[in-house]
Amino acid sequence: MIILGRDKQKGENAMASFGVARNRAIFLSVDLATHDGVKDAARQINEITDKIDGLLHSAGIFDPRDIRTKDGLPLFFALAYLSRYHLTQLLLPKLLKADHPRVIMMVGTVSKVPKFDIKKFQSFEKFNFWTMTLPIVGACMYYADYLAKTQPKIFTGCTTPGVARTDIFKNAPWYFRACVAVARPFLNSVELAARNPVQALLKGKGTSAYMWNKPGNFQRKFAIEVNKEDQKALIDMSHKLTGA
């Protein structure tokens, strides 16, 4: 198992919690917010392993500020969608060496595939976190469908953790953090949030991409269906931005 993360201390803490499985895991401190960081992550992974059985994308951030990466892109967009496309594309050769490779992306909760305006993805002149959250979830789902269609050996899908008891809201506005604090006893445990992604990695199969939108319920899912013109525009843009 290879774990990627920005915070080395958090990575070490996670590794320590694995108990006897600690010796079967490796932590790599990488920055998936930038093109160079993704390339460095792929390089390190390629040096460690000959094949990849499953790839779980869970990197993300909850911060409504318009923070830009050194590539000039909104940080939320870079982490929650583009790095997932970029890293997967770079690791395709290793994924295709596995017998039953799987690529799973963790996204926000939706009941259908969100629509998006590709023109807003291409400019980012004024990035609005609140209005772009769902379209970026949609982008992940569009990419999952693209992978399923172009790499039929790879099973792909998206799954939501729901609102889980993590520190992802630490950069949210104070009133949002206050609401989360009050609701904390009712939020999903990390174990519950992780159940569907783990099941998808272990048992996912089929030729269509799926979305699991009920944390802990692996039977509840729907097939991802997309607009082909929007999908082509998204993949073309993603390729132009990353070169992958």
Protein backbone atom coordinates (compact mmCIF):
# COMPACT_ATOMS: atom_id res chain seq x y z
CA MET A 1 0.00 0.00 0.00
CA ILE A 2 1.28 3.45 -0.94
CA ILE A 3 -0.23 6.47 0.81
CA LEU A 4 0.20 9.99 -0.54
CA GLY A 5 -0.12 13.15 1.53
CA ARG A 6 1.16 16.67 2.05
CA ASP A 7 1.62 16.44 5.80
CA LYS A 8 4.47 14.11 6.72
CA GLN A 9 3.48 13.99 10.40
CA LYS A 10 -0.10 13.01 9.59
CA GLY A 11 1.24 10.38 7.25
CA GLU A 12 3.45 8.93 9.95
CA ASN A 13 0.56 8.93 12.42
CA ALA A 14 -1.62 7.07 9.91
CA MET A 15 1.12 4.53 9.32
CA ALA A 16 1.53 3.98 13.06
CA SER A 17 -2.18 3.15 13.36
CA PHE A 18 -1.81 0.19 10.98
CA GLY A 19 -0.29 -2.06 13.62
CA VAL A 20 1.33 -5.17 12.14
CA ALA A 21 0.36 -4.02 8.63
CA ARG A 22 2.71 -1.05 9.06
CA ASN A 23 5.51 -2.91 7.27
CA ARG A 24 3.33 -3.36 4.19
CA ALA A 25 2.67 0.36 3.72
CA ILE A 26 4.73 3.26 2.44
CA PHE A 27 4.02 6.97 2.89
CA LEU A 28 5.14 9.50 0.29
CA SER A 29 5.10 13.20 1.14
CA VAL A 30 3.96 14.88 -2.08
CA ASP A 31 2.03 17.96 -3.21
CA LEU A 32 -0.78 16.94 -5.53
CA ALA A 33 -1.91 20.56 -5.98
CA THR A 34 0.65 21.27 -8.72
CA HIS A 35 1.57 19.71 -12.04
CA ASP A 36 5.16 19.20 -10.86
CA GLY A 37 3.95 17.65 -7.62
CA VAL A 38 1.77 15.14 -9.45
CA LYS A 39 4.64 14.24 -11.78
CA ASP A 40 6.93 13.75 -8.78
CA ALA A 41 4.34 11.51 -7.09
CA ALA A 42 4.03 9.39 -10.25
CA ARG A 43 7.82 9.16 -10.53
CA GLN A 44 8.18 7.95 -6.95
CA ILE A 45 5.35 5.43 -7.32
CA ASN A 46 6.86 4.10 -10.54
CA GLU A 47 10.16 3.55 -8.74
CA ILE A 48 8.47 1.55 -5.98
CA THR A 49 6.11 -0.82 -7.81
CA ASP A 50 5.71 -2.63 -11.12
CA LYS A 51 1.91 -2.63 -11.05
CA ILE A 52 -1.00 -0.93 -9.34
CA ASP A 53 -4.07 -2.97 -8.40
CA GLY A 54 -6.18 -0.05 -7.22
CA LEU A 55 -6.01 3.73 -7.06
CA LEU A 56 -8.15 5.65 -4.57
CA HIS A 57 -8.32 9.43 -5.00
CA SER A 58 -9.32 11.16 -1.76
CA ALA A 59 -7.26 14.37 -1.81
CA GLY A 60 -9.34 17.48 -1.34
CA ILE A 61 -9.81 20.70 0.58
CA PHE A 62 -12.76 22.66 1.94
CA ASP A 63 -11.79 26.32 1.68
CA PRO A 64 -14.05 28.94 0.04
CA ARG A 65 -11.16 31.36 -0.58
CA ASP A 66 -9.89 31.71 -4.14
CA ILE A 67 -6.43 30.28 -3.48
CA ARG A 68 -4.27 29.74 -6.56
CA THR A 69 -1.56 27.17 -7.12
CA LYS A 70 1.76 28.06 -8.72
CA ASP A 71 0.19 26.87 -11.98
CA GLY A 72 -2.42 29.64 -11.64
CA LEU A 73 -5.31 27.26 -10.98
CA PRO A 74 -7.83 27.33 -8.11
CA LEU A 75 -6.53 25.05 -5.36
CA PHE A 76 -9.86 23.28 -4.92
CA PHE A 77 -10.11 22.48 -8.64
CA ALA A 78 -6.48 21.31 -8.75
CA LEU A 79 -6.89 18.90 -5.84
CA ALA A 80 -10.48 17.73 -6.22
CA TYR A 81 -10.37 17.04 -9.94
CA LEU A 82 -7.31 17.84 -12.05
CA SER A 83 -4.72 15.99 -9.94
CA ARG A 84 -6.93 12.90 -10.13
CA TYR A 85 -7.04 13.02 -13.90
CA HIS A 86 -3.33 13.82 -14.12
CA LEU A 87 -2.05 11.15 -11.71
CA THR A 88 -4.28 8.42 -13.14
CA GLN A 89 -3.17 9.18 -16.68
CA LEU A 90 0.48 9.02 -15.65
CA LEU A 91 -0.04 5.71 -13.83
CA LEU A 92 -2.10 4.00 -16.55
CA PRO A 93 0.76 1.69 -17.66
CA LYS A 94 1.11 0.32 -14.10
CA LEU A 95 -2.66 0.00 -13.67
CA LEU A 96 -3.00 -1.96 -16.90
CA LYS A 97 -0.48 -4.52 -15.64
CA ALA A 98 -2.89 -5.60 -12.89
CA ASP A 99 -5.43 -8.37 -13.47
CA HIS A 100 -8.42 -6.32 -12.32
CA PRO A 101 -7.32 -2.68 -11.85
CA ARG A 102 -9.69 -0.22 -10.20
CA VAL A 103 -9.78 3.58 -9.95
CA ILE A 104 -12.12 5.11 -7.36
CA MET A 105 -12.66 8.81 -6.61
CA MET A 106 -14.18 10.19 -3.42
CA VAL A 107 -16.56 13.08 -4.11
CA GLY A 108 -19.39 15.05 -2.53
CA THR A 109 -22.86 13.61 -2.11
CA VAL A 110 -25.10 13.82 -5.18
CA SER A 111 -28.20 11.99 -6.40
CA LYS A 112 -27.38 12.45 -10.09
CA VAL A 113 -24.48 13.57 -12.27
CA PRO A 114 -24.10 17.36 -11.81
CA LYS A 115 -24.08 19.56 -14.90
CA PHE A 116 -21.30 22.04 -15.55
CA ASP A 117 -20.42 24.87 -17.91
CA ILE A 118 -17.11 23.98 -19.52
CA LYS A 119 -16.46 27.67 -20.23
CA LYS A 120 -16.13 28.33 -16.50
CA PHE A 121 -13.57 25.53 -16.26
CA GLN A 122 -11.52 27.10 -19.02
CA SER A 123 -11.23 30.62 -17.59
CA PHE A 124 -11.33 30.50 -13.76
CA GLU A 125 -11.13 34.29 -13.78
CA LYS A 126 -13.39 34.46 -10.75
CA PHE A 127 -13.54 31.15 -8.94
CA ASN A 128 -16.57 30.73 -6.70
CA PHE A 129 -16.14 27.75 -4.38
CA TRP A 130 -19.82 27.47 -3.52
CA THR A 131 -21.06 27.37 -7.11
CA MET A 132 -18.19 25.26 -8.48
CA THR A 133 -18.27 22.45 -5.90
CA LEU A 134 -20.94 20.40 -7.66
CA PRO A 135 -19.57 20.95 -11.19
CA ILE A 136 -16.18 19.67 -10.01
CA VAL A 137 -17.88 16.58 -8.58
CA GLY A 138 -19.43 16.24 -12.03
CA ALA A 139 -16.00 16.50 -13.65
CA CYS A 140 -14.76 13.55 -11.58
CA MET A 141 -17.78 11.52 -12.64
CA TYR A 142 -17.25 12.47 -16.29
CA TYR A 143 -13.64 11.34 -16.04
CA ALA A 144 -14.69 8.05 -14.40
CA ASP A 145 -17.00 7.39 -17.34
CA TYR A 146 -14.22 8.35 -19.78
CA LEU A 147 -11.86 5.85 -18.18
CA ALA A 148 -14.48 3.11 -18.27
CA LYS A 149 -15.05 3.71 -21.98
CA THR A 150 -11.42 4.12 -23.08
CA GLN A 151 -9.80 1.60 -20.72
CA PRO A 152 -12.41 -1.16 -20.33
CA LYS A 153 -9.99 -3.29 -18.33
CA ILE A 154 -10.13 -0.70 -15.53
CA PHE A 155 -13.19 -0.56 -13.30
CA THR A 156 -13.95 3.02 -12.30
CA GLY A 157 -16.35 4.77 -9.99
CA CYS A 158 -17.05 7.56 -7.53
CA THR A 159 -18.22 7.31 -3.95
CA THR A 160 -19.11 9.78 -1.24
CA PRO A 161 -17.91 9.72 2.38
CA GLY A 162 -20.82 11.96 3.34
CA VAL A 163 -19.97 14.45 6.08
CA ALA A 164 -17.35 12.65 8.13
CA ARG A 165 -15.63 13.44 11.41
CA THR A 166 -12.34 14.75 10.00
CA ASP A 167 -10.58 18.11 10.08
CA ILE A 168 -11.39 18.95 6.45
CA PHE A 169 -13.50 21.92 7.57
CA LYS A 170 -10.68 23.65 9.46
CA ASN A 171 -10.45 26.41 6.82
CA ALA A 172 -14.20 26.89 6.45
CA PRO A 173 -15.87 30.14 7.68
CA TRP A 174 -16.33 30.26 11.46
CA TYR A 175 -20.12 29.88 11.25
CA PHE A 176 -19.72 26.77 9.12
CA ARG A 177 -17.23 25.29 11.58
CA ALA A 178 -19.62 26.10 14.42
CA CYS A 179 -22.43 24.18 12.73
CA VAL A 180 -20.13 21.23 12.09
CA ALA A 181 -19.03 21.23 15.74
CA VAL A 182 -22.65 21.09 16.94
CA ALA A 183 -23.49 18.31 14.49
CA ARG A 184 -20.27 16.34 15.09
CA PRO A 185 -21.91 13.52 17.12
CA PHE A 186 -24.21 12.84 14.15
CA LEU A 187 -21.53 12.89 11.45
CA ASN A 188 -20.22 9.76 9.79
CA SER A 189 -17.32 7.98 11.41
CA VAL A 190 -14.17 7.59 9.34
CA GLU A 191 -14.80 3.84 9.29
CA LEU A 192 -18.28 4.29 7.82
CA ALA A 193 -17.05 6.89 5.31
CA ALA A 194 -14.32 4.51 4.13
CA ARG A 195 -16.52 1.43 3.78
CA ASN A 196 -17.78 1.99 0.22
CA PRO A 197 -14.43 3.12 -1.22
CA VAL A 198 -12.78 0.00 0.20
CA GLN A 199 -15.56 -2.24 -1.11
CA ALA A 200 -15.32 -0.61 -4.55
CA LEU A 201 -11.57 -1.24 -4.64
CA LEU A 202 -11.96 -4.86 -3.56
CA LYS A 203 -15.17 -5.87 -5.35
CA GLY A 204 -15.87 -3.30 -8.06
CA LYS A 205 -16.57 -4.83 -11.46
CA GLY A 206 -18.40 -4.13 -14.67
CA THR A 207 -17.98 -2.08 -17.81
CA SER A 208 -19.79 1.05 -16.61
CA ALA A 209 -18.68 3.66 -14.11
CA TYR A 210 -20.82 3.84 -10.96
CA MET A 211 -21.54 6.31 -8.18
CA TRP A 212 -22.15 5.07 -4.61
CA ASN A 213 -24.07 7.90 -2.96
CA LYS A 214 -25.01 6.38 0.41
CA PRO A 215 -22.07 5.94 2.82
CA GLY A 216 -21.92 2.39 4.12
CA ASN A 217 -24.47 1.02 1.64
CA PHE A 218 -22.54 -0.67 -1.18
CA GLN A 219 -25.76 -1.88 -2.80
CA ARG A 220 -27.01 1.66 -3.43
CA LYS A 221 -25.45 3.02 -6.60
CA PHE A 222 -26.32 4.41 -10.01
CA ALA A 223 -24.59 4.19 -13.38
CA ILE A 224 -22.84 7.39 -14.43
CA GLU A 225 -24.24 8.84 -17.66
CA VAL A 226 -22.74 11.95 -19.26
CA ASN A 227 -23.09 14.42 -22.11
CA LYS A 228 -20.51 13.31 -24.69
CA GLU A 229 -19.76 16.81 -26.00
CA ASP A 230 -19.12 18.18 -22.52
CA GLN A 231 -17.01 15.13 -21.72
CA LYS A 232 -14.81 15.63 -24.78
CA ALA A 233 -14.37 19.31 -23.93
CA LEU A 234 -13.42 18.40 -20.34
CA ILE A 235 -10.87 15.77 -21.35
CA ASP A 236 -9.38 18.06 -24.01
CA MET A 237 -9.03 20.82 -21.42
CA SER A 238 -7.51 18.43 -18.87
CA HIS A 239 -4.97 17.21 -21.44
CA LYS A 240 -4.11 20.78 -22.42
CA LEU A 241 -3.54 21.80 -18.79
CA THR A 242 -1.43 18.77 -17.79
CA GLY A 243 -0.03 17.35 -21.01
CA ALA A 244 -1.19 13.89 -19.85
